[in-house]
PDB file of N, CA and C in Angstrom:
ATOM      1  N   MET A   1      30.729  -9.356 -49.120  1.00  0.00           N
ATOM      2  CA  MET A   1      30.703  -9.998 -47.834  1.00  0.00           C
ATOM      3  C   MET A   1      31.881 -10.959 -47.737  1.00  0.00           C
ATOM      4  N   TYR A   2      33.023 -10.419 -47.469  1.00  0.00           N
ATOM      5  CA  TYR A   2      34.250 -11.199 -47.448  1.00  0.00           C
ATOM      6  C   TYR A   2      34.304 -12.198 -46.298  1.00  0.00           C
ATOM      7  N   TRP A   3      33.525 -12.022 -45.271  1.00  0.00           N
ATOM      8  CA  TRP A   3      33.606 -12.867 -44.078  1.00  0.00           C
ATOM      9  C   TRP A   3      32.796 -14.151 -44.196  1.00  0.00           C
ATOM     10  N   ILE A   4      31.862 -14.230 -45.117  1.00  0.00           N
ATOM     11  CA  ILE A   4      30.958 -15.379 -45.195  1.00  0.00           C
ATOM     12  C   ILE A   4      31.694 -16.692 -45.479  1.00  0.00           C
ATOM     13  N   PRO A   5      32.613 -16.766 -46.475  1.00  0.00           N
ATOM     14  CA  PRO A   5      33.307 -18.043 -46.689  1.00  0.00           C
ATOM     15  C   PRO A   5      34.130 -18.485 -45.476  1.00  0.00           C
ATOM     16  N   ILE A   6      34.747 -17.555 -44.793  1.00  0.00           N
ATOM     17  CA  ILE A   6      35.532 -17.891 -43.603  1.00  0.00           C
ATOM     18  C   ILE A   6      34.613 -18.395 -42.504  1.00  0.00           C
ATOM     19  N   TYR A   7      33.493 -17.725 -42.316  1.00  0.00           N
ATOM     20  CA  TYR A   7      32.515 -18.126 -41.305  1.00  0.00           C
ATOM     21  C   TYR A   7      32.029 -19.548 -41.572  1.00  0.00           C
ATOM     22  N   GLU A   8      31.683 -19.836 -42.823  1.00  0.00           N
ATOM     23  CA  GLU A   8      31.182 -21.162 -43.179  1.00  0.00           C
ATOM     24  C   GLU A   8      32.264 -22.229 -43.038  1.00  0.00           C
ATOM     25  N   LEU A   9      33.505 -21.892 -43.368  1.00  0.00           N
ATOM     26  CA  LEU A   9      34.608 -22.836 -43.212  1.00  0.00           C
ATOM     27  C   LEU A   9      34.822 -23.190 -41.744  1.00  0.00           C
ATOM     28  N   LEU A  10      34.764 -22.199 -40.880  1.00  0.00           N
ATOM     29  CA  LEU A  10      34.906 -22.462 -39.449  1.00  0.00           C
ATOM     30  C   LEU A  10      33.777 -23.351 -38.942  1.00  0.00           C
ATOM     31  N   GLU A  11      32.560 -23.092 -39.402  1.00  0.00           N
ATOM     32  CA  GLU A  11      31.416 -23.915 -38.990  1.00  0.00           C
ATOM     33  C   GLU A  11      31.571 -25.366 -39.445  1.00  0.00           C
ATOM     34  N   GLN A  12      32.083 -25.561 -40.659  1.00  0.00           N
ATOM     35  CA  GLN A  12      32.274 -26.914 -41.182  1.00  0.00           C
ATOM     36  C   GLN A  12      33.278 -27.706 -40.352  1.00  0.00           C
ATOM     37  N   HIS A  13      34.233 -27.013 -39.755  1.00  0.00           N
ATOM     38  CA  HIS A  13      35.263 -27.676 -38.956  1.00  0.00           C
ATOM     39  C   HIS A  13      34.884 -27.753 -37.479  1.00  0.00           C
ATOM     40  N   GLY A  14      33.638 -27.455 -37.153  1.00  0.00           N
ATOM     41  CA  GLY A  14      33.157 -27.608 -35.781  1.00  0.00           C
ATOM     42  C   GLY A  14      33.458 -26.446 -34.863  1.00  0.00           C
ATOM     43  N   ILE A  15      33.946 -25.343 -35.410  1.00  0.00           N
ATOM     44  CA  ILE A  15      34.225 -24.149 -34.607  1.00  0.00           C
ATOM     45  C   ILE A  15      33.003 -23.244 -34.675  1.00  0.00           C
ATOM     46  N   VAL A  16      32.554 -22.770 -33.534  1.00  0.00           N
ATOM     47  CA  VAL A  16      31.388 -21.884 -33.499  1.00  0.00           C
ATOM     48  C   VAL A  16      31.889 -20.441 -33.550  1.00  0.00           C
ATOM     49  N   PRO A  17      31.790 -19.781 -34.721  1.00  0.00           N
ATOM     50  CA  PRO A  17      32.241 -18.393 -34.817  1.00  0.00           C
ATOM     51  C   PRO A  17      31.297 -17.453 -34.076  1.00  0.00           C
ATOM     52  N   TYR A  18      31.825 -16.353 -33.617  1.00  0.00           N
ATOM     53  CA  TYR A  18      31.063 -15.346 -32.897  1.00  0.00           C
ATOM     54  C   TYR A  18      31.086 -14.086 -33.746  1.00  0.00           C
ATOM     55  N   LEU A  19      30.002 -13.816 -34.435  1.00  0.00           N
ATOM     56  CA  LEU A  19      29.921 -12.701 -35.369  1.00  0.00           C
ATOM     57  C   LEU A  19      29.443 -11.450 -34.642  1.00  0.00           C
ATOM     58  N   VAL A  20      30.259 -10.399 -34.665  1.00  0.00           N
ATOM     59  CA  VAL A  20      29.899  -9.142 -34.015  1.00  0.00           C
ATOM     60  C   VAL A  20      30.102  -7.995 -34.999  1.00  0.00           C
ATOM     61  N   LYS A  21      29.467  -6.883 -34.715  1.00  0.00           N
ATOM     62  CA  LYS A  21      29.626  -5.696 -35.545  1.00  0.00           C
ATOM     63  C   LYS A  21      30.917  -4.983 -35.153  1.00  0.00           C
ATOM     64  N   GLY A  22      31.754  -4.729 -36.138  1.00  0.00           N
ATOM     65  CA  GLY A  22      33.050  -4.118 -35.881  1.00  0.00           C
ATOM     66  C   GLY A  22      32.964  -2.685 -35.395  1.00  0.00           C
ATOM     67  N   ARG A  23      31.955  -1.968 -35.812  1.00  0.00           N
ATOM     68  CA  ARG A  23      31.881  -0.553 -35.433  1.00  0.00           C
ATOM     69  C   ARG A  23      31.662  -0.359 -33.934  1.00  0.00           C
ATOM     70  N   HIS A  24      31.106  -1.370 -33.258  1.00  0.00           N
ATOM     71  CA  HIS A  24      30.905  -1.244 -31.820  1.00  0.00           C
ATOM     72  C   HIS A  24      32.223  -1.269 -31.068  1.00  0.00           C
ATOM     73  N   GLY A  25      33.225  -1.915 -31.613  1.00  0.00           N
ATOM     74  CA  GLY A  25      34.536  -1.942 -30.977  1.00  0.00           C
ATOM     75  C   GLY A  25      35.342  -0.694 -31.246  1.00  0.00           C
ATOM     76  N   LYS A  26      34.953   0.058 -32.242  1.00  0.00           N
ATOM     77  CA  LYS A  26      35.699   1.260 -32.619  1.00  0.00           C
ATOM     78  C   LYS A  26      35.333   2.475 -31.775  1.00  0.00           C
ATOM     79  N   MET A  27      34.394   2.322 -30.860  1.00  0.00           N
ATOM     80  CA  MET A  27      33.971   3.465 -30.057  1.00  0.00           C
ATOM     81  C   MET A  27      34.954   3.788 -28.931  1.00  0.00           C
ATOM     82  N   VAL A  28      35.949   2.937 -28.748  1.00  0.00           N
ATOM     83  CA  VAL A  28      36.903   3.140 -27.662  1.00  0.00           C
ATOM     84  C   VAL A  28      38.085   3.926 -28.205  1.00  0.00           C
ATOM     85  N   PRO A  29      38.396   5.090 -27.631  1.00  0.00           N
ATOM     86  CA  PRO A  29      39.512   5.889 -28.137  1.00  0.00           C
ATOM     87  C   PRO A  29      40.856   5.239 -27.801  1.00  0.00           C
ATOM     88  N   GLY A  30      41.831   5.456 -28.664  1.00  0.00           N
ATOM     89  CA  GLY A  30      43.172   4.972 -28.400  1.00  0.00           C
ATOM     90  C   GLY A  30      43.453   3.586 -28.946  1.00  0.00           C
ATOM     91  N   ARG A  31      42.473   2.884 -29.412  1.00  0.00           N
ATOM     92  CA  ARG A  31      42.675   1.531 -29.954  1.00  0.00           C
ATOM     93  C   ARG A  31      42.768   1.654 -31.481  1.00  0.00           C
ATOM     94  N   THR A  32      43.949   1.875 -31.985  1.00  0.00           N
ATOM     95  CA  THR A  32      44.062   2.179 -33.405  1.00  0.00           C
ATOM     96  C   THR A  32      44.572   1.019 -34.248  1.00  0.00           C
ATOM     97  N   THR A  33      45.320   0.070 -33.667  1.00  0.00           N
ATOM     98  CA  THR A  33      45.856  -1.017 -34.479  1.00  0.00           C
ATOM     99  C   THR A  33      44.918  -2.218 -34.448  1.00  0.00           C
ATOM    100  N   ASP A  34      45.032  -3.050 -35.472  1.00  0.00           N
ATOM    101  CA  ASP A  34      44.207  -4.260 -35.530  1.00  0.00           C
ATOM    102  C   ASP A  34      44.503  -5.180 -34.354  1.00  0.00           C
ATOM    103  N   TRP A  35      45.776  -5.257 -33.964  1.00  0.00           N
ATOM    104  CA  TRP A  35      46.160  -6.117 -32.844  1.00  0.00           C
ATOM    105  C   TRP A  35      45.488  -5.645 -31.557  1.00  0.00           C
ATOM    106  N   ASN A  36      45.531  -4.346 -31.309  1.00  0.00           N
ATOM    107  CA  ASN A  36      44.884  -3.804 -30.104  1.00  0.00           C
ATOM    108  C   ASN A  36      43.370  -3.981 -30.163  1.00  0.00           C
ATOM    109  N   ASP A  37      42.804  -3.791 -31.353  1.00  0.00           N
ATOM    110  CA  ASP A  37      41.358  -3.997 -31.514  1.00  0.00           C
ATOM    111  C   ASP A  37      40.983  -5.441 -31.205  1.00  0.00           C
ATOM    112  N   ALA A  38      41.776  -6.389 -31.708  1.00  0.00           N
ATOM    113  CA  ALA A  38      41.487  -7.806 -31.475  1.00  0.00           C
ATOM    114  C   ALA A  38      41.566  -8.139 -29.988  1.00  0.00           C
ATOM    115  N   GLN A  39      42.570  -7.609 -29.313  1.00  0.00           N
ATOM    116  CA  GLN A  39      42.694  -7.860 -27.875  1.00  0.00           C
ATOM    117  C   GLN A  39      41.529  -7.244 -27.112  1.00  0.00           C
ATOM    118  N   TRP A  40      41.143  -6.043 -27.491  1.00  0.00           N
ATOM    119  CA  TRP A  40      40.038  -5.363 -26.820  1.00  0.00           C
ATOM    120  C   TRP A  40      38.724  -6.119 -27.029  1.00  0.00           C
ATOM    121  N   LEU A  41      38.479  -6.561 -28.272  1.00  0.00           N
ATOM    122  CA  LEU A  41      37.263  -7.321 -28.559  1.00  0.00           C
ATOM    123  C   LEU A  41      37.244  -8.644 -27.792  1.00  0.00           C
ATOM    124  N   GLN A  42      38.411  -9.278 -27.654  1.00  0.00           N
ATOM    125  CA  GLN A  42      38.483 -10.532 -26.908  1.00  0.00           C
ATOM    126  C   GLN A  42      38.157 -10.300 -25.439  1.00  0.00           C
ATOM    127  N   LYS A  43      38.641  -9.202 -24.876  1.00  0.00           N
ATOM    128  CA  LYS A  43      38.343  -8.887 -23.469  1.00  0.00           C
ATOM    129  C   LYS A  43      36.847  -8.629 -23.279  1.00  0.00           C
ATOM    130  N   LEU A  44      36.256  -7.890 -24.198  1.00  0.00           N
ATOM    131  CA  LEU A  44      34.816  -7.632 -24.106  1.00  0.00           C
ATOM    132  C   LEU A  44      34.020  -8.930 -24.215  1.00  0.00           C
ATOM    133  N   HIS A  45      34.433  -9.796 -25.125  1.00  0.00           N
ATOM    134  CA  HIS A  45      33.741 -11.081 -25.299  1.00  0.00           C
ATOM    135  C   HIS A  45      33.891 -11.952 -24.052  1.00  0.00           C
ATOM    136  N   ALA A  46      35.085 -11.976 -23.482  1.00  0.00           N
ATOM    137  CA  ALA A  46      35.320 -12.802 -22.291  1.00  0.00           C
ATOM    138  C   ALA A  46      34.456 -12.352 -21.119  1.00  0.00           C
ATOM    139  N   ARG A  47      34.126 -11.073 -21.074  1.00  0.00           N
ATOM    140  CA  ARG A  47      33.299 -10.542 -19.990  1.00  0.00           C
ATOM    141  C   ARG A  47      31.812 -10.548 -20.335  1.00  0.00           C
ATOM    142  N   GLY A  48      31.481 -11.062 -21.506  1.00  0.00           N
ATOM    143  CA  GLY A  48      30.082 -11.156 -21.908  1.00  0.00           C
ATOM    144  C   GLY A  48      29.474  -9.830 -22.315  1.00  0.00           C
ATOM    145  N   LEU A  49      30.296  -8.906 -22.785  1.00  0.00           N
ATOM    146  CA  LEU A  49      29.810  -7.570 -23.134  1.00  0.00           C
ATOM    147  C   LEU A  49      29.566  -7.395 -24.635  1.00  0.00           C
ATOM    148  N   ARG A  50      29.708  -8.458 -25.410  1.00  0.00           N
ATOM    149  CA  ARG A  50      29.471  -8.374 -26.851  1.00  0.00           C
ATOM    150  C   ARG A  50      28.260  -9.217 -27.211  1.00  0.00           C
ATOM    151  N   GLN A  51      27.386  -8.674 -28.025  1.00  0.00           N
ATOM    152  CA  GLN A  51      26.232  -9.423 -28.515  1.00  0.00           C
ATOM    153  C   GLN A  51      26.571  -9.997 -29.884  1.00  0.00           C
ATOM    154  N   SER A  52      26.232 -11.238 -30.070  1.00  0.00           N
ATOM    155  CA  SER A  52      26.462 -11.877 -31.354  1.00  0.00           C
ATOM    156  C   SER A  52      25.393 -11.422 -32.346  1.00  0.00           C
ATOM    157  N   SER A  53      25.800 -11.183 -33.579  1.00  0.00           N
ATOM    158  CA  SER A  53      24.855 -10.814 -34.629  1.00  0.00           C
ATOM    159  C   SER A  53      24.099 -12.049 -35.099  1.00  0.00           C
ATOM    160  N   PHE A  54      22.925 -11.820 -35.660  1.00  0.00           N
ATOM    161  CA  PHE A  54      22.096 -12.923 -36.147  1.00  0.00           C
ATOM    162  C   PHE A  54      22.680 -13.474 -37.433  1.00  0.00           C
ATOM    163  N   ARG A  55      22.862 -14.767 -37.480  1.00  0.00           N
ATOM    164  CA  ARG A  55      23.298 -15.462 -38.691  1.00  0.00           C
ATOM    165  C   ARG A  55      22.342 -16.629 -38.904  1.00  0.00           C
ATOM    166  N   PRO A  56      21.514 -16.576 -39.963  1.00  0.00           N
ATOM    167  CA  PRO A  56      20.536 -17.646 -40.175  1.00  0.00           C
ATOM    168  C   PRO A  56      21.220 -18.961 -40.545  1.00  0.00           C
ATOM    169  N   ASP A  57      20.492 -20.056 -40.362  1.00  0.00           N
ATOM    170  CA  ASP A  57      21.039 -21.366 -40.706  1.00  0.00           C
ATOM    171  C   ASP A  57      21.145 -21.504 -42.226  1.00  0.00           C
ATOM    172  N   ALA A  58      21.736 -22.602 -42.690  1.00  0.00           N
ATOM    173  CA  ALA A  58      22.019 -22.788 -44.116  1.00  0.00           C
ATOM    174  C   ALA A  58      20.745 -22.789 -44.958  1.00  0.00           C
ATOM    175  N   GLU A  59      19.685 -23.414 -44.458  1.00  0.00           N
ATOM    176  CA  GLU A  59      18.433 -23.470 -45.211  1.00  0.00           C
ATOM    177  C   GLU A  59      17.852 -22.069 -45.410  1.00  0.00           C
ATOM    178  N   MET A  60      17.835 -21.280 -44.359  1.00  0.00           N
ATOM    179  CA  MET A  60      17.301 -19.921 -44.449  1.00  0.00           C
ATOM    180  C   MET A  60      18.203 -19.035 -45.313  1.00  0.00           C
ATOM    181  N   THR A  61      19.503 -19.235 -45.240  1.00  0.00           N
ATOM    182  CA  THR A  61      20.430 -18.452 -46.054  1.00  0.00           C
ATOM    183  C   THR A  61      20.184 -18.702 -47.536  1.00  0.00           C
ATOM    184  N   GLY A  62      19.978 -19.969 -47.905  1.00  0.00           N
ATOM    185  CA  GLY A  62      19.677 -20.292 -49.297  1.00  0.00           C
ATOM    186  C   GLY A  62      18.382 -19.658 -49.767  1.00  0.00           C
ATOM    187  N   LEU A  63      17.369 -19.695 -48.920  1.00  0.00           N
ATOM    188  CA  LEU A  63      16.086 -19.080 -49.257  1.00  0.00           C
ATOM    189  C   LEU A  63      16.229 -17.565 -49.412  1.00  0.00           C
ATOM    190  N   ARG A  64      16.975 -16.939 -48.519  1.00  0.00           N
ATOM    191  CA  ARG A  64      17.180 -15.486 -48.605  1.00  0.00           C
ATOM    192  C   ARG A  64      17.916 -15.110 -49.885  1.00  0.00           C
ATOM    193  N   THR A  65      18.881 -15.946 -50.289  1.00  0.00           N
ATOM    194  CA  THR A  65      19.614 -15.692 -51.528  1.00  0.00           C
ATOM    195  C   THR A  65      18.674 -15.745 -52.729  1.00  0.00           C
ATOM    196  N   LEU A  66      17.801 -16.747 -52.766  1.00  0.00           N
ATOM    197  CA  LEU A  66      16.846 -16.861 -53.871  1.00  0.00           C
ATOM    198  C   LEU A  66      15.864 -15.695 -53.899  1.00  0.00           C
ATOM    199  N   VAL A  67      15.389 -15.275 -52.737  1.00  0.00           N
ATOM    200  CA  VAL A  67      14.446 -14.156 -52.671  1.00  0.00           C
ATOM    201  C   VAL A  67      15.112 -12.871 -53.156  1.00  0.00           C
ATOM    202  N   ARG A  68      16.362 -12.659 -52.760  1.00  0.00           N
ATOM    203  CA  ARG A  68      17.080 -11.458 -53.217  1.00  0.00           C
ATOM    204  C   ARG A  68      17.315 -11.492 -54.725  1.00  0.00           C
ATOM    205  N   TYR A  69      17.639 -12.677 -55.251  1.00  0.00           N
ATOM    206  CA  TYR A  69      17.860 -12.814 -56.687  1.00  0.00           C
ATOM    207  C   TYR A  69      16.570 -12.528 -57.452  1.00  0.00           C
ATOM    208  N   ARG A  70      15.461 -13.055 -56.966  1.00  0.00           N
ATOM    209  CA  ARG A  70      14.168 -12.804 -57.600  1.00  0.00           C
ATOM    210  C   ARG A  70      13.832 -11.320 -57.559  1.00  0.00           C
ATOM    211  N   ALA A  71      14.088 -10.686 -56.414  1.00  0.00           N
ATOM    212  CA  ALA A  71      13.803  -9.252 -56.285  1.00  0.00           C
ATOM    213  C   ALA A  71      14.642  -8.437 -57.264  1.00  0.00           C
ATOM    214  N   ALA A  72      15.835  -8.913 -57.583  1.00  0.00           N
ATOM    215  CA  ALA A  72      16.674  -8.210 -58.557  1.00  0.00           C
ATOM    216  C   ALA A  72      16.167  -8.422 -59.981  1.00  0.00           C
ATOM    217  N   LEU A  73      15.543  -9.569 -60.257  1.00  0.00           N
ATOM    218  CA  LEU A  73      15.057  -9.867 -61.605  1.00  0.00           C
ATOM    219  C   LEU A  73      13.700  -9.249 -61.912  1.00  0.00           C
ATOM    220  N   VAL A  74      12.833  -9.131 -60.937  1.00  0.00           N
ATOM    221  CA  VAL A  74      11.456  -8.673 -61.153  1.00  0.00           C
ATOM    222  C   VAL A  74      11.387  -7.310 -61.846  1.00  0.00           C
ATOM    223  N   PRO A  75      12.186  -6.319 -61.481  1.00  0.00           N
ATOM    224  CA  PRO A  75      12.073  -5.028 -62.178  1.00  0.00           C
ATOM    225  C   PRO A  75      12.414  -5.089 -63.669  1.00  0.00           C
ATOM    226  N   HIS A  76      13.105  -6.136 -64.102  1.00  0.00           N
ATOM    227  CA  HIS A  76      13.515  -6.241 -65.502  1.00  0.00           C
ATOM    228  C   HIS A  76      12.538  -7.034 -66.358  1.00  0.00           C
ATOM    229  N   ARG A  77      11.457  -7.534 -65.766  1.00  0.00           N
ATOM    230  CA  ARG A  77      10.565  -8.398 -66.540  1.00  0.00           C
ATOM    231  C   ARG A  77       9.805  -7.632 -67.617  1.00  0.00           C
ATOM    232  N   ALA A  78       9.308  -6.449 -67.312  1.00  0.00           N
ATOM    233  CA  ALA A  78       8.518  -5.699 -68.300  1.00  0.00           C
ATOM    234  C   ALA A  78       9.348  -5.332 -69.530  1.00  0.00           C
ATOM    235  N   PRO A  79      10.561  -4.805 -69.375  1.00  0.00           N
ATOM    236  CA  PRO A  79      11.346  -4.512 -70.584  1.00  0.00           C
ATOM    237  C   PRO A  79      11.651  -5.764 -71.418  1.00  0.00           C
ATOM    238  N   HIS A  80      11.864  -6.892 -70.781  1.00  0.00           N
ATOM    239  CA  HIS A  80      12.140  -8.122 -71.530  1.00  0.00           C
ATOM    240  C   HIS A  80      10.894  -8.614 -72.269  1.00  0.00           C
ATOM    241  N   ILE A  81       9.752  -8.508 -71.636  1.00  0.00           N
ATOM    242  CA  ILE A  81       8.502  -8.898 -72.309  1.00  0.00           C
ATOM    243  C   ILE A  81       8.260  -7.998 -73.514  1.00  0.00           C
ATOM    244  N   LEU A  82       8.459  -6.707 -73.348  1.00  0.00           N
ATOM    245  CA  LEU A  82       8.290  -5.763 -74.455  1.00  0.00           C
ATOM    246  C   LEU A  82       9.260  -6.077 -75.586  1.00  0.00           C
ATOM    247  N   HIS A  83      10.487  -6.414 -75.244  1.00  0.00           N
ATOM    248  CA  HIS A  83      11.491  -6.761 -76.250  1.00  0.00           C
ATOM    249  C   HIS A  83      11.057  -7.998 -77.043  1.00  0.00           C
ATOM    250  N   MET A  84      10.535  -9.005 -76.360  1.00  0.00           N
ATOM    251  CA  MET A  84      10.067 -10.220 -77.040  1.00  0.00           C
ATOM    252  C   MET A  84       8.863  -9.916 -77.930  1.00  0.00           C
ATOM    253  N   GLN A  85       7.944  -9.065 -77.463  1.00  0.00           N
ATOM    254  CA  GLN A  85       6.770  -8.724 -78.265  1.00  0.00           C
ATOM    255  C   GLN A  85       7.182  -7.992 -79.533  1.00  0.00           C
ATOM    256  N   ARG A  86       8.119  -7.079 -79.419  1.00  0.00           N
ATOM    257  CA  ARG A  86       8.594  -6.351 -80.606  1.00  0.00           C
ATOM    258  C   ARG A  86       9.292  -7.294 -81.577  1.00  0.00           C
ATOM    259  N   ALA A  87      10.061  -8.227 -81.039  1.00  0.00           N
ATOM    260  CA  ALA A  87      10.741  -9.192 -81.909  1.00  0.00           C
ATOM    261  C   ALA A  87       9.728 -10.062 -82.642  1.00  0.00           C
ATOM    262  N   LEU A  88       8.657 -10.465 -81.961  1.00  0.00           N
ATOM    263  CA  LEU A  88       7.626 -11.283 -82.601  1.00  0.00           C
ATOM    264  C   LEU A  88       6.853 -10.490 -83.651  1.00  0.00           C
ATOM    265  N   GLN A  89       6.628  -9.202 -83.401  1.00  0.00           N
ATOM    266  CA  GLN A  89       5.905  -8.369 -84.364  1.00  0.00           C
ATOM    267  C   GLN A  89       6.724  -8.170 -85.634  1.00  0.00           C
ATOM    268  N   GLN A  90       8.035  -8.130 -85.506  1.00  0.00           N
ATOM    269  CA  GLN A  90       8.895  -7.923 -86.675  1.00  0.00           C
ATOM    270  C   GLN A  90       9.000  -9.173 -87.537  1.00  0.00           C
ATOM    271  N   MET A  91       8.630 -10.329 -86.988  1.00  0.00           N
ATOM    272  CA  MET A  91       8.701 -11.575 -87.770  1.00  0.00           C
ATOM    273  C   MET A  91       7.624 -11.566 -88.774  1.00  0.00           C
TER     274      MET A  91
END
């Protein structure tokens, strides 16, 4: 997620970033360069045709990070418990 540090930096400096899905801008034929894409996205935003993506606040983001980390650790608990039991039996 390369955009998260930039998003947070802009927020810290009082700028309200507008997070949108890039694939929605790619549906227009003929817009192949990044410069043209940026201009096209700006025009859509100025006309109110872009929906901002959901970005949770800092408290919720921290909680989501912890929940994801726990979900990654839970599948490994049984092998680690078994490893400790075998180590204790060998003592």
